[in-house]
C-alpha atoms as a PDB file:
ATOM      1  CA  MET A   1       0.040  -0.011  -0.023  1.00  0.00           C
ATOM      2  CA  LYS A   2       2.987   2.281   0.525  1.00  0.00           C
ATOM      3  CA  TYR A   3       3.436   2.628  -3.296  1.00  0.00           C
ATOM      4  CA  PHE A   4      -0.026   3.886  -3.751  1.00  0.00           C
ATOM      5  CA  LEU A   5       0.329   6.423  -0.804  1.00  0.00           C
ATOM      6  CA  ILE A   6       3.603   7.730  -2.288  1.00  0.00           C
ATOM      7  CA  THR A   7       1.954   8.265  -5.696  1.00  0.00           C
ATOM      8  CA  ALA A   8      -1.226   9.751  -4.144  1.00  0.00           C
ATOM      9  CA  LEU A   9       0.871  12.386  -2.439  1.00  0.00           C
ATOM     10  CA  LEU A  10       2.972  13.157  -5.561  1.00  0.00           C
ATOM     11  CA  PHE A  11       0.032  14.334  -7.682  1.00  0.00           C
ATOM     12  CA  PRO A  12      -1.213  17.062  -5.308  1.00  0.00           C
ATOM     13  CA  ALA A  13       2.446  18.341  -4.998  1.00  0.00           C
ATOM     14  CA  LEU A  14       2.633  18.546  -8.745  1.00  0.00           C
ATOM     15  CA  LEU A  15      -0.619  20.456  -8.837  1.00  0.00           C
ATOM     16  CA  ALA A  16       0.420  22.912  -6.175  1.00  0.00           C
ATOM     17  CA  SER A  17       3.629  23.668  -7.963  1.00  0.00           C
ATOM     18  CA  ALA A  18       2.200  24.985 -11.393  1.00  0.00           C
ATOM     19  CA  GLN A  19      -0.591  24.888 -13.731  1.00  0.00           C
ATOM     20  CA  VAL A  20       1.612  23.838 -16.577  1.00  0.00           C
ATOM     21  CA  LYS A  21       1.733  20.202 -17.465  1.00  0.00           C
ATOM     22  CA  PRO A  22       5.011  18.460 -16.393  1.00  0.00           C
ATOM     23  CA  ASP A  23       7.151  17.239 -19.215  1.00  0.00           C
ATOM     24  CA  PHE A  24       7.088  13.596 -18.170  1.00  0.00           C
ATOM     25  CA  PHE A  25       3.336  13.205 -18.726  1.00  0.00           C
ATOM     26  CA  PRO A  26       2.473  11.832 -22.205  1.00  0.00           C
ATOM     27  CA  GLU A  27       0.250  13.449 -24.761  1.00  0.00           C
ATOM     28  CA  ASP A  28      -3.314  12.483 -25.518  1.00  0.00           C
ATOM     29  CA  LEU A  29      -3.853   9.860 -22.726  1.00  0.00           C
ATOM     30  CA  THR A  30      -7.607   9.523 -22.255  1.00  0.00           C
ATOM     31  CA  SER A  31      -7.671   7.990 -18.786  1.00  0.00           C
ATOM     32  CA  THR A  32     -11.187   9.484 -18.267  1.00  0.00           C
ATOM     33  CA  SER A  33     -12.544   7.206 -21.006  1.00  0.00           C
ATOM     34  CA  GLU A  34     -10.433   4.126 -20.667  1.00  0.00           C
ATOM     35  CA  GLY A  35      -9.581   3.838 -17.135  1.00  0.00           C
ATOM     36  CA  ASN A  36      -6.375   2.157 -16.252  1.00  0.00           C
ATOM     37  CA  HIS A  37      -6.032   1.322 -19.918  1.00  0.00           C
ATOM     38  CA  LEU A  38      -2.378   0.342 -20.266  1.00  0.00           C
ATOM     39  CA  ARG A  39      -3.005  -2.552 -17.717  1.00  0.00           C
ATOM     40  CA  CYS A  40      -6.001  -3.749 -19.526  1.00  0.00           C
ATOM     41  CA  TYR A  41      -4.060  -5.098 -22.638  1.00  0.00           C
ATOM     42  CA  CYS A  42      -0.811  -6.078 -20.780  1.00  0.00           C
ATOM     43  CA  GLN A  43      -1.678  -9.692 -20.372  1.00  0.00           C
ATOM     44  CA  PRO A  44      -1.514 -12.116 -18.806  1.00  0.00           C
ATOM     45  CA  GLY A  45      -2.389  -9.879 -15.714  1.00  0.00           C
ATOM     46  CA  ILE A  46      -3.057 -11.044 -12.096  1.00  0.00           C
ATOM     47  CA  ARG A  47      -6.102 -12.244 -10.074  1.00  0.00           C
ATOM     48  CA  ASN A  48      -8.933  -9.956  -9.101  1.00  0.00           C
ATOM     49  CA  THR A  49      -8.004  -6.952 -11.308  1.00  0.00           C
ATOM     50  CA  SER A  50     -10.574  -4.426 -12.472  1.00  0.00           C
ATOM     51  CA  ARG A  51     -12.229  -5.591 -15.620  1.00  0.00           C
ATOM     52  CA  SER A  52     -11.085  -5.465 -19.327  1.00  0.00           C
ATOM     53  CA  LYS A  53     -13.651  -3.996 -21.661  1.00  0.00           C
ATOM     54  CA  GLY A  54     -14.642  -5.466 -24.995  1.00  0.00           C
ATOM     55  CA  LEU A  55     -17.639  -3.299 -25.883  1.00  0.00           C
ATOM     56  CA  GLU A  56     -18.156  -0.134 -23.915  1.00  0.00           C
ATOM     57  CA  LEU A  57     -20.421   2.955 -23.871  1.00  0.00           C
ATOM     58  CA  ALA A  58     -19.766   5.789 -21.334  1.00  0.00           C
ATOM     59  CA  TYR A  59     -20.784   9.275 -20.571  1.00  0.00           C
ATOM     60  CA  SER A  60     -18.764  11.728 -18.482  1.00  0.00           C
ATOM     61  CA  TYR A  61     -19.921  15.206 -17.050  1.00  0.00           C
ATOM     62  CA  PHE A  62     -17.563  17.843 -15.729  1.00  0.00           C
ATOM     63  CA  GLY A  63     -18.850  20.838 -13.866  1.00  0.00           C
ATOM     64  CA  GLY A  64     -18.692  24.483 -14.798  1.00  0.00           C
ATOM     65  CA  GLY A  65     -16.390  27.508 -14.091  1.00  0.00           C
ATOM     66  CA  ALA A  66     -14.376  30.083 -15.837  1.00  0.00           C
ATOM     67  CA  TYR A  67     -11.371  30.416 -18.119  1.00  0.00           C
ATOM     68  CA  LYS A  68      -8.863  32.373 -16.071  1.00  0.00           C
ATOM     69  CA  ALA A  69      -5.607  34.094 -17.078  1.00  0.00           C
ATOM     70  CA  GLN A  70      -2.712  31.767 -17.646  1.00  0.00           C
ATOM     71  CA  ASP A  71       0.203  33.700 -19.190  1.00  0.00           C
ATOM     72  CA  SER A  72      -1.488  37.087 -20.147  1.00  0.00           C
ATOM     73  CA  LEU A  73      -4.120  39.262 -18.619  1.00  0.00           C
ATOM     74  CA  LEU A  74      -7.673  38.780 -19.468  1.00  0.00           C
ATOM     75  CA  SER A  75     -10.261  41.564 -19.174  1.00  0.00           C
ATOM     76  CA  SER A  76     -13.509  41.119 -17.123  1.00  0.00           C
ATOM     77  CA  PRO A  77     -15.942  39.600 -17.415  1.00  0.00           C
ATOM     78  CA  LEU A  78     -14.127  36.253 -17.984  1.00  0.00           C
ATOM     79  CA  THR A  79     -15.480  33.571 -20.312  1.00  0.00           C
ATOM     80  CA  GLU A  80     -17.568  31.241 -18.308  1.00  0.00           C
ATOM     81  CA  PHE A  81     -18.702  27.604 -18.993  1.00  0.00           C
ATOM     82  CA  ARG A  82     -21.553  25.543 -17.724  1.00  0.00           C
ATOM     83  CA  ASN A  83     -20.050  22.143 -18.223  1.00  0.00           C
ATOM     84  CA  HIS A  84     -17.894  19.850 -20.413  1.00  0.00           C
ATOM     85  CA  ASN A  85     -19.247  16.495 -21.276  1.00  0.00           C
ATOM     86  CA  TYR A  86     -17.888  13.382 -23.069  1.00  0.00           C
ATOM     87  CA  LEU A  87     -19.454  10.544 -24.929  1.00  0.00           C
ATOM     88  CA  LYS A  88     -17.403   7.427 -25.536  1.00  0.00           C
ATOM     89  CA  PHE A  89     -17.975   4.252 -27.650  1.00  0.00           C
ATOM     90  CA  SER A  90     -15.338   1.618 -28.026  1.00  0.00           C
ATOM     91  CA  LEU A  91     -14.920  -1.985 -29.348  1.00  0.00           C
ATOM     92  CA  LYS A  92     -12.286  -4.574 -29.068  1.00  0.00           C
ATOM     93  CA  ALA A  93     -12.502  -7.844 -31.045  1.00  0.00           C
ATOM     94  CA  PRO A  94     -10.082 -10.752 -31.027  1.00  0.00           C
ATOM     95  CA  LEU A  95      -8.242 -11.618 -34.241  1.00  0.00           C
ATOM     96  CA  VAL A  96      -5.864 -14.425 -32.808  1.00  0.00           C
ATOM     97  CA  ASN A  97      -6.482 -16.004 -29.467  1.00  0.00           C
ATOM     98  CA  LYS A  98      -3.679 -18.605 -28.951  1.00  0.00           C
ATOM     99  CA  ASP A  99      -1.980 -19.736 -25.770  1.00  0.00           C
ATOM    100  CA  ASN A 100       1.124 -17.726 -26.460  1.00  0.00           C
ATOM    101  CA  LEU A 101      -0.176 -15.040 -28.859  1.00  0.00           C
ATOM    102  CA  LYS A 102      -3.191 -12.786 -28.659  1.00  0.00           C
ATOM    103  CA  ILE A 103      -4.048 -10.024 -31.304  1.00  0.00           C
ATOM    104  CA  LEU A 104      -7.006  -7.785 -30.877  1.00  0.00           C
ATOM    105  CA  LEU A 105      -8.410  -5.063 -33.295  1.00  0.00           C
ATOM    106  CA  SER A 106      -9.955  -1.936 -31.712  1.00  0.00           C
ATOM    107  CA  TYR A 107     -12.064   0.978 -32.572  1.00  0.00           C
ATOM    108  CA  SER A 108     -13.189   3.977 -30.516  1.00  0.00           C
ATOM    109  CA  TYR A 109     -15.275   7.087 -31.100  1.00  0.00           C
ATOM    110  CA  PHE A 110     -15.018   9.986 -28.564  1.00  0.00           C
ATOM    111  CA  ALA A 111     -16.937  13.250 -28.800  1.00  0.00           C
ATOM    112  CA  GLU A 112     -16.360  16.184 -26.371  1.00  0.00           C
ATOM    113  CA  VAL A 113     -18.711  19.164 -26.140  1.00  0.00           C
ATOM    114  CA  HIS A 114     -18.139  22.402 -24.263  1.00  0.00           C
ATOM    115  CA  ASP A 115     -21.328  24.321 -23.127  1.00  0.00           C
ATOM    116  CA  ILE A 116     -20.366  27.989 -22.645  1.00  0.00           C
ATOM    117  CA  LYS A 117     -22.710  30.419 -20.943  1.00  0.00           C
ATOM    118  CA  ARG A 118     -20.811  33.732 -21.064  1.00  0.00           C
ATOM    119  CA  PHE A 119     -18.241  35.182 -23.567  1.00  0.00           C
ATOM    120  CA  GLY A 120     -15.605  37.552 -22.355  1.00  0.00           C
ATOM    121  CA  PRO A 121     -13.999  40.312 -24.488  1.00  0.00           C
ATOM    122  CA  ASP A 122     -10.719  38.311 -25.061  1.00  0.00           C
ATOM    123  CA  PHE A 123     -10.755  35.610 -27.670  1.00  0.00           C
ATOM    124  CA  GLY A 124     -14.618  35.646 -27.697  1.00  0.00           C
ATOM    125  CA  GLN A 125     -14.896  34.695 -31.212  1.00  0.00           C
ATOM    126  CA  VAL A 126     -12.898  31.508 -30.596  1.00  0.00           C
ATOM    127  CA  PHE A 127     -15.059  30.470 -27.654  1.00  0.00           C
ATOM    128  CA  ARG A 128     -18.247  31.234 -29.602  1.00  0.00           C
ATOM    129  CA  GLU A 129     -17.095  28.781 -32.253  1.00  0.00           C
ATOM    130  CA  LEU A 130     -16.033  26.359 -29.731  1.00  0.00           C
ATOM    131  CA  ASN A 131     -19.439  26.470 -27.913  1.00  0.00           C
ATOM    132  CA  GLY A 132     -21.564  23.475 -28.576  1.00  0.00           C
ATOM    133  CA  ILE A 133     -19.478  21.753 -31.434  1.00  0.00           C
ATOM    134  CA  LYS A 134     -18.409  18.266 -31.262  1.00  0.00           C
ATOM    135  CA  LEU A 135     -14.681  17.783 -30.779  1.00  0.00           C
ATOM    136  CA  LYS A 136     -14.130  14.300 -32.215  1.00  0.00           C
ATOM    137  CA  SER A 137     -11.489  11.554 -31.651  1.00  0.00           C
ATOM    138  CA  ALA A 138     -11.873   8.524 -33.879  1.00  0.00           C
ATOM    139  CA  THR A 139      -9.316   5.817 -33.474  1.00  0.00           C
ATOM    140  CA  LEU A 140      -8.242   2.452 -35.024  1.00  0.00           C
ATOM    141  CA  GLY A 141      -5.887   0.198 -33.304  1.00  0.00           C
ATOM    142  CA  ALA A 142      -4.234  -3.146 -32.780  1.00  0.00           C
ATOM    143  CA  ILE A 143      -3.174  -4.896 -29.578  1.00  0.00           C
ATOM    144  CA  ILE A 144      -0.593  -7.625 -29.496  1.00  0.00           C
ATOM    145  CA  ALA A 145       0.476  -9.746 -26.495  1.00  0.00           C
ATOM    146  CA  LYS A 146       3.204 -12.445 -26.831  1.00  0.00           C
ATOM    147  CA  SER A 147       4.162 -14.686 -24.130  1.00  0.00           C
ATOM    148  CA  LEU A 148       7.888 -15.301 -23.576  1.00  0.00           C
ATOM    149  CA  GLY A 149       7.512 -18.230 -21.127  1.00  0.00           C
ATOM    150  CA  GLU A 150       5.969 -18.751 -17.733  1.00  0.00           C
ATOM    151  CA  TYR A 151       7.015 -15.463 -16.225  1.00  0.00           C
ATOM    152  CA  HIS A 152       7.716 -12.887 -19.038  1.00  0.00           C
ATOM    153  CA  TYR A 153       5.752 -11.410 -21.877  1.00  0.00           C
ATOM    154  CA  LEU A 154       5.665  -8.539 -24.385  1.00  0.00           C
ATOM    155  CA  ALA A 155       2.763  -6.345 -25.170  1.00  0.00           C
ATOM    156  CA  PHE A 156       2.343  -3.775 -27.854  1.00  0.00           C
ATOM    157  CA  ARG A 157      -0.472  -1.311 -28.888  1.00  0.00           C
ATOM    158  CA  PHE A 158      -0.614   0.655 -32.132  1.00  0.00           C
ATOM    159  CA  ARG A 159      -3.248   3.434 -32.571  1.00  0.00           C
ATOM    160  CA  LEU A 160      -4.224   5.852 -35.262  1.00  0.00           C
ATOM    161  CA  ALA A 161      -6.425   8.685 -34.250  1.00  0.00           C
ATOM    162  CA  ALA A 162      -8.126  11.551 -36.114  1.00  0.00           C
ATOM    163  CA  ASN A 163      -8.799  14.340 -33.627  1.00  0.00           C
ATOM    164  CA  GLY A 164     -10.528  17.672 -34.485  1.00  0.00           C
ATOM    165  CA  ASN A 165     -13.775  19.522 -35.379  1.00  0.00           C
ATOM    166  CA  TYR A 166     -13.882  17.954 -38.791  1.00  0.00           C
ATOM    167  CA  PRO A 167     -17.127  16.767 -40.461  1.00  0.00           C
ATOM    168  CA  GLY A 168     -18.051  13.107 -40.721  1.00  0.00           C
ATOM    169  CA  LEU A 169     -16.644  10.209 -38.701  1.00  0.00           C
ATOM    170  CA  GLY A 170     -12.805  10.171 -39.271  1.00  0.00           C
ATOM    171  CA  ARG A 171      -9.981  11.870 -41.267  1.00  0.00           C
ATOM    172  CA  TYR A 172      -7.382   9.173 -40.380  1.00  0.00           C
ATOM    173  CA  PHE A 173      -4.933   9.921 -43.137  1.00  0.00           C
ATOM    174  CA  GLU A 174      -4.858  13.626 -43.188  1.00  0.00           C
ATOM    175  CA  ASP A 175      -1.730  14.916 -41.255  1.00  0.00           C
ATOM    176  CA  ARG A 176      -3.561  17.911 -39.791  1.00  0.00           C
ATOM    177  CA  TYR A 177      -5.822  15.581 -37.661  1.00  0.00           C
ATOM    178  CA  ALA A 178      -3.847  12.480 -37.324  1.00  0.00           C
ATOM    179  CA  ILE A 179      -2.207  11.231 -34.066  1.00  0.00           C
ATOM    180  CA  TYR A 180       0.014   8.200 -34.158  1.00  0.00           C
ATOM    181  CA  LYS A 181       0.691   6.299 -30.893  1.00  0.00           C
ATOM    182  CA  PHE A 182       2.662   3.386 -29.989  1.00  0.00           C
ATOM    183  CA  TYR A 183       2.975   1.547 -26.519  1.00  0.00           C
ATOM    184  CA  GLY A 184       5.494  -1.281 -25.830  1.00  0.00           C
ATOM    185  CA  ILE A 185       6.094  -3.087 -22.612  1.00  0.00           C
ATOM    186  CA  TYR A 186       8.199  -5.935 -21.241  1.00  0.00           C
ATOM    187  CA  GLY A 187       6.431  -7.503 -18.484  1.00  0.00           C
ATOM    188  CA  ILE A 188       7.505  -9.920 -15.591  1.00  0.00           C
ATOM    189  CA  LYS A 189       4.905 -11.888 -13.670  1.00  0.00           C
ATOM    190  CA  PRO A 190       6.655 -13.902 -10.749  1.00  0.00           C
ATOM    191  CA  SER A 191       3.198 -15.080  -9.390  1.00  0.00           C
ATOM    192  CA  GLU A 192      -0.505 -14.856  -9.865  1.00  0.00           C
ATOM    193  CA  ASP A 193      -0.636 -11.906  -7.430  1.00  0.00           C
ATOM    194  CA  PHE A 194       2.048  -9.721  -8.690  1.00  0.00           C
ATOM    195  CA  GLU A 195       3.443  -8.367 -12.086  1.00  0.00           C
ATOM    196  CA  TRP A 196       5.501  -5.437 -13.068  1.00  0.00           C
ATOM    197  CA  GLY A 197       6.844  -4.044 -16.494  1.00  0.00           C
ATOM    198  CA  ILE A 198       8.793  -1.262 -18.008  1.00  0.00           C
ATOM    199  CA  GLY A 199       7.652   0.351 -21.261  1.00  0.00           C
ATOM    200  CA  LEU A 200       7.779   3.284 -23.626  1.00  0.00           C
ATOM    201  CA  ALA A 201       4.980   5.313 -24.953  1.00  0.00           C
ATOM    202  CA  TYR A 202       5.556   7.198 -28.279  1.00  0.00           C
ATOM    203  CA  SER A 203       3.249   9.811 -29.816  1.00  0.00           C
ATOM    204  CA  LYS A 204       3.488  11.768 -33.205  1.00  0.00           C
ATOM    205  CA  SER A 205       0.722  14.399 -33.743  1.00  0.00           C
ATOM    206  CA  PHE A 206       0.030  17.828 -35.176  1.00  0.00           C
ATOM    207  CA  ARG A 207       1.163  19.352 -31.856  1.00  0.00           C
ATOM    208  CA  ARG A 208       4.500  17.560 -31.202  1.00  0.00           C
ATOM    209  CA  ASN A 209       6.387  14.324 -30.999  1.00  0.00           C
ATOM    210  CA  SER A 210       7.100  12.662 -27.635  1.00  0.00           C
ATOM    211  CA  ILE A 211       8.481   9.544 -26.038  1.00  0.00           C
ATOM    212  CA  ILE A 212       7.818   8.670 -22.415  1.00  0.00           C
ATOM    213  CA  PRO A 213       9.078   5.669 -20.290  1.00  0.00           C
ATOM    214  CA  PHE A 214       6.432   4.205 -17.881  1.00  0.00           C
ATOM    215  CA  LEU A 215       6.276   1.572 -15.133  1.00  0.00           C
ATOM    216  CA  LEU A 216       3.680  -0.994 -14.810  1.00  0.00           C
ATOM    217  CA  PHE A 217       2.979  -2.233 -11.215  1.00  0.00           C
ATOM    218  CA  ASN A 218       0.043  -4.531 -10.370  1.00  0.00           C
ATOM    219  CA  ARG A 219      -0.104  -6.353  -6.902  1.00  0.00           C
ATOM    220  CA  ASN A 220      -2.600  -8.151  -4.766  1.00  0.00           C
ATOM    221  CA  LEU A 221      -2.022  -7.312  -1.080  1.00  0.00           C
ATOM    222  CA  SER A 222      -4.653  -9.905  -0.013  1.00  0.00           C
ATOM    223  CA  ASP A 223      -7.693 -11.608  -1.590  1.00  0.00           C
ATOM    224  CA  LYS A 224      -9.585  -8.285  -1.145  1.00  0.00           C
ATOM    225  CA  TRP A 225      -6.983  -5.339  -1.542  1.00  0.00           C
ATOM    226  CA  GLY A 226      -4.644  -4.693  -4.412  1.00  0.00           C
ATOM    227  CA  ILE A 227      -2.837  -2.002  -6.289  1.00  0.00           C
ATOM    228  CA  GLU A 228      -3.100  -1.171  -9.993  1.00  0.00           C
ATOM    229  CA  ALA A 229      -0.817   1.455 -11.325  1.00  0.00           C
ATOM    230  CA  VAL A 230       0.901   2.682 -14.580  1.00  0.00           C
ATOM    231  CA  LEU A 231       3.287   5.481 -13.616  1.00  0.00           C
ATOM    232  CA  PRO A 232       3.387   8.345 -14.220  1.00  0.00           C
ATOM    233  CA  ALA A 233      -0.026   7.988 -15.666  1.00  0.00           C
ATOM    234  CA  ASN A 234      -2.194   6.583 -12.895  1.00  0.00           C
ATOM    235  CA  ALA A 235      -2.285   4.619  -9.601  1.00  0.00           C
ATOM    236  CA  PHE A 236      -5.432   2.902  -7.911  1.00  0.00           C
ATOM    237  CA  LEU A 237      -6.052   1.092  -4.684  1.00  0.00           C
ATOM    238  CA  ARG A 238      -8.561  -1.680  -5.454  1.00  0.00           C
ATOM    239  CA  TYR A 239     -10.971  -3.452  -3.054  1.00  0.00           C
ATOM    240  CA  ASN A 240     -12.899  -6.563  -4.179  1.00  0.00           C
ATOM    241  CA  LEU A 241     -16.116  -6.775  -2.462  1.00  0.00           C
ATOM    242  CA  GLY A 242     -16.969 -10.161  -4.130  1.00  0.00           C
ATOM    243  CA  HIS A 243     -20.152 -11.196  -6.078  1.00  0.00           C
ATOM    244  CA  GLY A 244     -19.244  -8.976  -8.934  1.00  0.00           C
ATOM    245  CA  ASP A 245     -18.419  -5.740  -7.192  1.00  0.00           C
ATOM    246  CA  ILE A 246     -15.043  -3.872  -7.404  1.00  0.00           C
ATOM    247  CA  LEU A 247     -14.152  -0.506  -5.923  1.00  0.00           C
ATOM    248  CA  LEU A 248     -11.071   1.583  -6.923  1.00  0.00           C
ATOM    249  CA  LEU A 249      -9.723   4.801  -5.454  1.00  0.00           C
ATOM    250  CA  GLY A 250      -6.882   6.744  -6.954  1.00  0.00           C
ATOM    251  CA  VAL A 251      -5.514   9.452  -9.259  1.00  0.00           C
ATOM    252  CA  GLU A 252      -4.968   9.620 -12.881  1.00  0.00           C
ATOM    253  CA  TYR A 253      -3.667  11.849 -15.720  1.00  0.00           C
ATOM    254  CA  ASP A 254      -5.975  12.842 -18.730  1.00  0.00           C
ATOM    255  CA  SER A 255      -5.033  14.606 -21.851  1.00  0.00           C
ATOM    256  CA  GLN A 256      -6.693  15.242 -25.256  1.00  0.00           C
ATOM    257  CA  SER A 257      -5.639  17.319 -28.345  1.00  0.00           C
ATOM    258  CA  TYR A 258      -7.740  18.561 -31.273  1.00  0.00           C
ATOM    259  CA  ARG A 259      -7.105  20.403 -34.518  1.00  0.00           C
ATOM    260  CA  LEU A 260      -9.507  23.348 -34.693  1.00  0.00           C
ATOM    261  CA  THR A 261     -10.401  25.277 -37.948  1.00  0.00           C
ATOM    262  CA  MET A 262     -12.818  28.187 -37.377  1.00  0.00           C
ATOM    263  CA  PRO A 263     -13.684  31.506 -38.924  1.00  0.00           C
ATOM    264  CA  SER A 264     -11.808  34.581 -37.827  1.00  0.00           C
ATOM    265  CA  LEU A 265     -12.852  38.231 -37.762  1.00  0.00           C
ATOM    266  CA  THR A 266      -9.457  39.559 -38.899  1.00  0.00           C
ATOM    267  CA  ASN A 267      -7.927  37.078 -41.421  1.00  0.00           C
ATOM    268  CA  GLY A 268     -10.886  34.799 -42.510  1.00  0.00           C
ATOM    269  CA  GLN A 269      -9.875  31.723 -40.763  1.00  0.00           C
ATOM    270  CA  SER A 270      -8.038  30.610 -37.665  1.00  0.00           C
ATOM    271  CA  ASP A 271      -6.191  27.196 -37.155  1.00  0.00           C
ATOM    272  CA  PHE A 272      -5.472  26.015 -33.715  1.00  0.00           C
ATOM    273  CA  ALA A 273      -3.991  22.955 -32.120  1.00  0.00           C
ATOM    274  CA  MET A 274      -5.785  22.766 -28.895  1.00  0.00           C
ATOM    275  CA  ASN A 275      -4.825  20.602 -25.879  1.00  0.00           C
ATOM    276  CA  HIS A 276      -6.312  20.294 -22.380  1.00  0.00           C
ATOM    277  CA  SER A 277      -4.860  18.114 -19.655  1.00  0.00           C
ATOM    278  CA  GLU A 278      -5.803  17.471 -16.129  1.00  0.00           C
ATOM    279  CA  VAL A 279      -5.398  15.075 -13.045  1.00  0.00           C
ATOM    280  CA  LEU A 280      -8.436  13.226 -11.807  1.00  0.00           C
ATOM    281  CA  ALA A 281      -8.819  12.118  -8.329  1.00  0.00           C
ATOM    282  CA  SER A 282     -11.674   9.577  -8.202  1.00  0.00           C
ATOM    283  CA  ALA A 283     -13.612   6.706  -6.791  1.00  0.00           C
ATOM    284  CA  ARG A 284     -14.922   4.041  -9.176  1.00  0.00           C
ATOM    285  CA  ALA A 285     -17.380   1.149  -8.775  1.00  0.00           C
ATOM    286  CA  GLU A 286     -17.658  -1.730 -11.141  1.00  0.00           C
ATOM    287  CA  HIS A 287     -20.702  -3.902 -10.833  1.00  0.00           C
ATOM    288  CA  LYS A 288     -21.638  -7.166 -12.603  1.00  0.00           C
ATOM    289  CA  PHE A 289     -25.252  -7.323 -13.684  1.00  0.00           C
ATOM    290  CA  ALA A 290     -24.970 -10.658 -15.524  1.00  0.00           C
ATOM    291  CA  ASP A 291     -22.354 -12.753 -17.300  1.00  0.00           C
ATOM    292  CA  TRP A 292     -20.483 -10.487 -19.752  1.00  0.00           C
ATOM    293  CA  ILE A 293     -22.536  -7.390 -18.723  1.00  0.00           C
ATOM    294  CA  TRP A 294     -20.962  -4.849 -16.449  1.00  0.00           C
ATOM    295  CA  GLY A 295     -21.608  -1.289 -15.388  1.00  0.00           C
ATOM    296  CA  ASN A 296     -19.435   1.325 -13.704  1.00  0.00           C
ATOM    297  CA  PHE A 297     -19.818   4.603 -11.960  1.00  0.00           C
ATOM    298  CA  LYS A 298     -17.135   6.963 -11.213  1.00  0.00           C
ATOM    299  CA  PHE A 299     -17.039  10.264  -9.486  1.00  0.00           C
ATOM    300  CA  GLY A 300     -14.291  12.810  -8.230  1.00  0.00           C
ATOM    301  CA  TYR A 301     -12.578  15.991  -8.733  1.00  0.00           C
ATOM    302  CA  ARG A 302     -10.741  17.299 -11.740  1.00  0.00           C
ATOM    303  CA  PHE A 303      -7.537  19.436 -11.159  1.00  0.00           C
ATOM    304  CA  ASN A 304      -6.811  21.342 -14.593  1.00  0.00           C
ATOM    305  CA  PHE A 305      -3.578  22.233 -16.086  1.00  0.00           C
ATOM    306  CA  SER A 306      -3.714  24.994 -18.694  1.00  0.00           C
ATOM    307  CA  THR A 307      -5.707  24.630 -21.934  1.00  0.00           C
ATOM    308  CA  ASP A 308      -3.443  25.710 -24.760  1.00  0.00           C
ATOM    309  CA  PHE A 309      -4.529  27.071 -28.153  1.00  0.00           C
ATOM    310  CA  GLU A 310      -1.329  26.729 -30.283  1.00  0.00           C
ATOM    311  CA  ALA A 311      -1.341  28.662 -33.528  1.00  0.00           C
ATOM    312  CA  LYS A 312      -0.876  26.460 -36.631  1.00  0.00           C
ATOM    313  CA  SER A 313      -1.152  29.087 -39.355  1.00  0.00           C
ATOM    314  CA  PRO A 314       0.088  32.759 -40.050  1.00  0.00           C
ATOM    315  CA  GLY A 315      -2.313  35.304 -38.586  1.00  0.00           C
ATOM    316  CA  THR A 316      -3.674  33.020 -35.903  1.00  0.00           C
ATOM    317  CA  THR A 317      -3.056  34.279 -32.327  1.00  0.00           C
ATOM    318  CA  PRO A 318      -2.048  31.639 -29.834  1.00  0.00           C
ATOM    319  CA  PHE A 319      -3.115  31.916 -26.205  1.00  0.00           C
ATOM    320  CA  ASN A 320      -3.524  29.670 -22.994  1.00  0.00           C
ATOM    321  CA  VAL A 321      -6.215  29.840 -20.485  1.00  0.00           C
ATOM    322  CA  ASP A 322      -6.612  28.182 -16.988  1.00  0.00           C
ATOM    323  CA  PRO A 323     -10.072  26.443 -16.541  1.00  0.00           C
ATOM    324  CA  SER A 324     -11.623  26.261 -13.231  1.00  0.00           C
ATOM    325  CA  ASN A 325     -11.227  22.901 -11.335  1.00  0.00           C
ATOM    326  CA  SER A 326     -14.395  21.059 -10.886  1.00  0.00           C
ATOM    327  CA  PHE A 327     -16.340  17.841  -9.790  1.00  0.00           C
ATOM    328  CA  PHE A 328     -17.203  15.213 -12.331  1.00  0.00           C
ATOM    329  CA  PHE A 329     -18.895  11.959 -12.740  1.00  0.00           C
ATOM    330  CA  GLN A 330     -18.881   9.139 -15.310  1.00  0.00           C
ATOM    331  CA  VAL A 331     -21.441   6.362 -15.978  1.00  0.00           C
ATOM    332  CA  GLY A 332     -20.985   3.426 -18.378  1.00  0.00           C
ATOM    333  CA  PHE A 333     -21.955  -0.139 -19.359  1.00  0.00           C
ATOM    334  CA  PHE A 334     -19.599  -2.618 -20.917  1.00  0.00           C
ATOM    335  CA  LEU A 335     -19.109  -6.219 -21.935  1.00  0.00           C
ATOM    336  CA  SER A 336     -16.429  -8.209 -20.163  1.00  0.00           C
ATOM    337  CA  PRO A 337     -15.809 -11.946 -20.583  1.00  0.00           C
ATOM    338  CA  PRO A 338     -16.313 -14.167 -17.577  1.00  0.00           C
ATOM    339  CA  ASP A 339     -13.291 -15.049 -15.612  1.00  0.00           C
ATOM    340  CA  HIS A 340     -13.081 -18.716 -16.882  1.00  0.00           C
ATOM    341  CA  LEU A 341     -12.729 -17.175 -20.363  1.00  0.00           C
ATOM    342  CA  ARG A 342     -10.690 -14.164 -19.513  1.00  0.00           C
ATOM    343  CA  ASN A 343      -8.054 -16.195 -17.610  1.00  0.00           C
ATOM    344  CA  LYS A 344      -7.883 -18.942 -20.158  1.00  0.00           C
ATOM    345  CA  ASP A 345      -4.325 -19.388 -21.437  1.00  0.00           C
END
């Protein structure tokens, strides 16, 4: 439990020091939608972990506030928002399911909407265009897990996402919207109650390229208690109630980028690369309704880093703002295979 406590204390310290995202956090990591997602595909896994998701539908709601000044002065009244909300659909389907090799294909669609109630004098045109539109993220992916023997394995994930305010369902092969992601991990599982691993996360997007090392740590402290962590992205303390009920308490990092094209009053059109990032402190419950059918409810508090509007064309004025922190909740339903199928090797 000491590993979880150390990490839980680290996140508030980071938030108190600055509203600028630390460099060791990765780009475009949607923990809000996917939970402890790195762990979910790093098989073989350990006993009693939170559930992997085959088909998922989830809705998230974040409370309102104001966009405060970050690196420049803003005139009063400030732009205020009622809420942000997300809708997520995802699907993972097995392509190869052998004892020593598993390959899955994945698809997800994620839509984010900002409900803005008052527009301030600074960058008001940008926020008017942002108000009510769907910021989309459509992703195609592949997951590969290869056993190297009784105690070691490799796992990889490849993803191609199209993020922006484009029309239609996806613009995967247009560089202005494309985000390429790769995760690779070497895992070690000395027992059914403990696994750890080291890995790299690489991202190439319209904002920047990045490569971040990470550490996987999953450990059962007893038949009821356990730790699930992918550092520096997230850390959770888990409690298994039994009879299909799991509780998790922890902290996680969340980030999303979009390419935004919108009308401008001065030069005809503005072109931004927008990024928001935050740390979520939350409690989550997973409940089994029937074989394969699960639900989850999550609530907590979101600590925001700055939201950056990076200029991607001449004449577009970049700016950063600091959204208010807020409470949030998420509700969802998903399909997860029963244990006798999920743990089959």
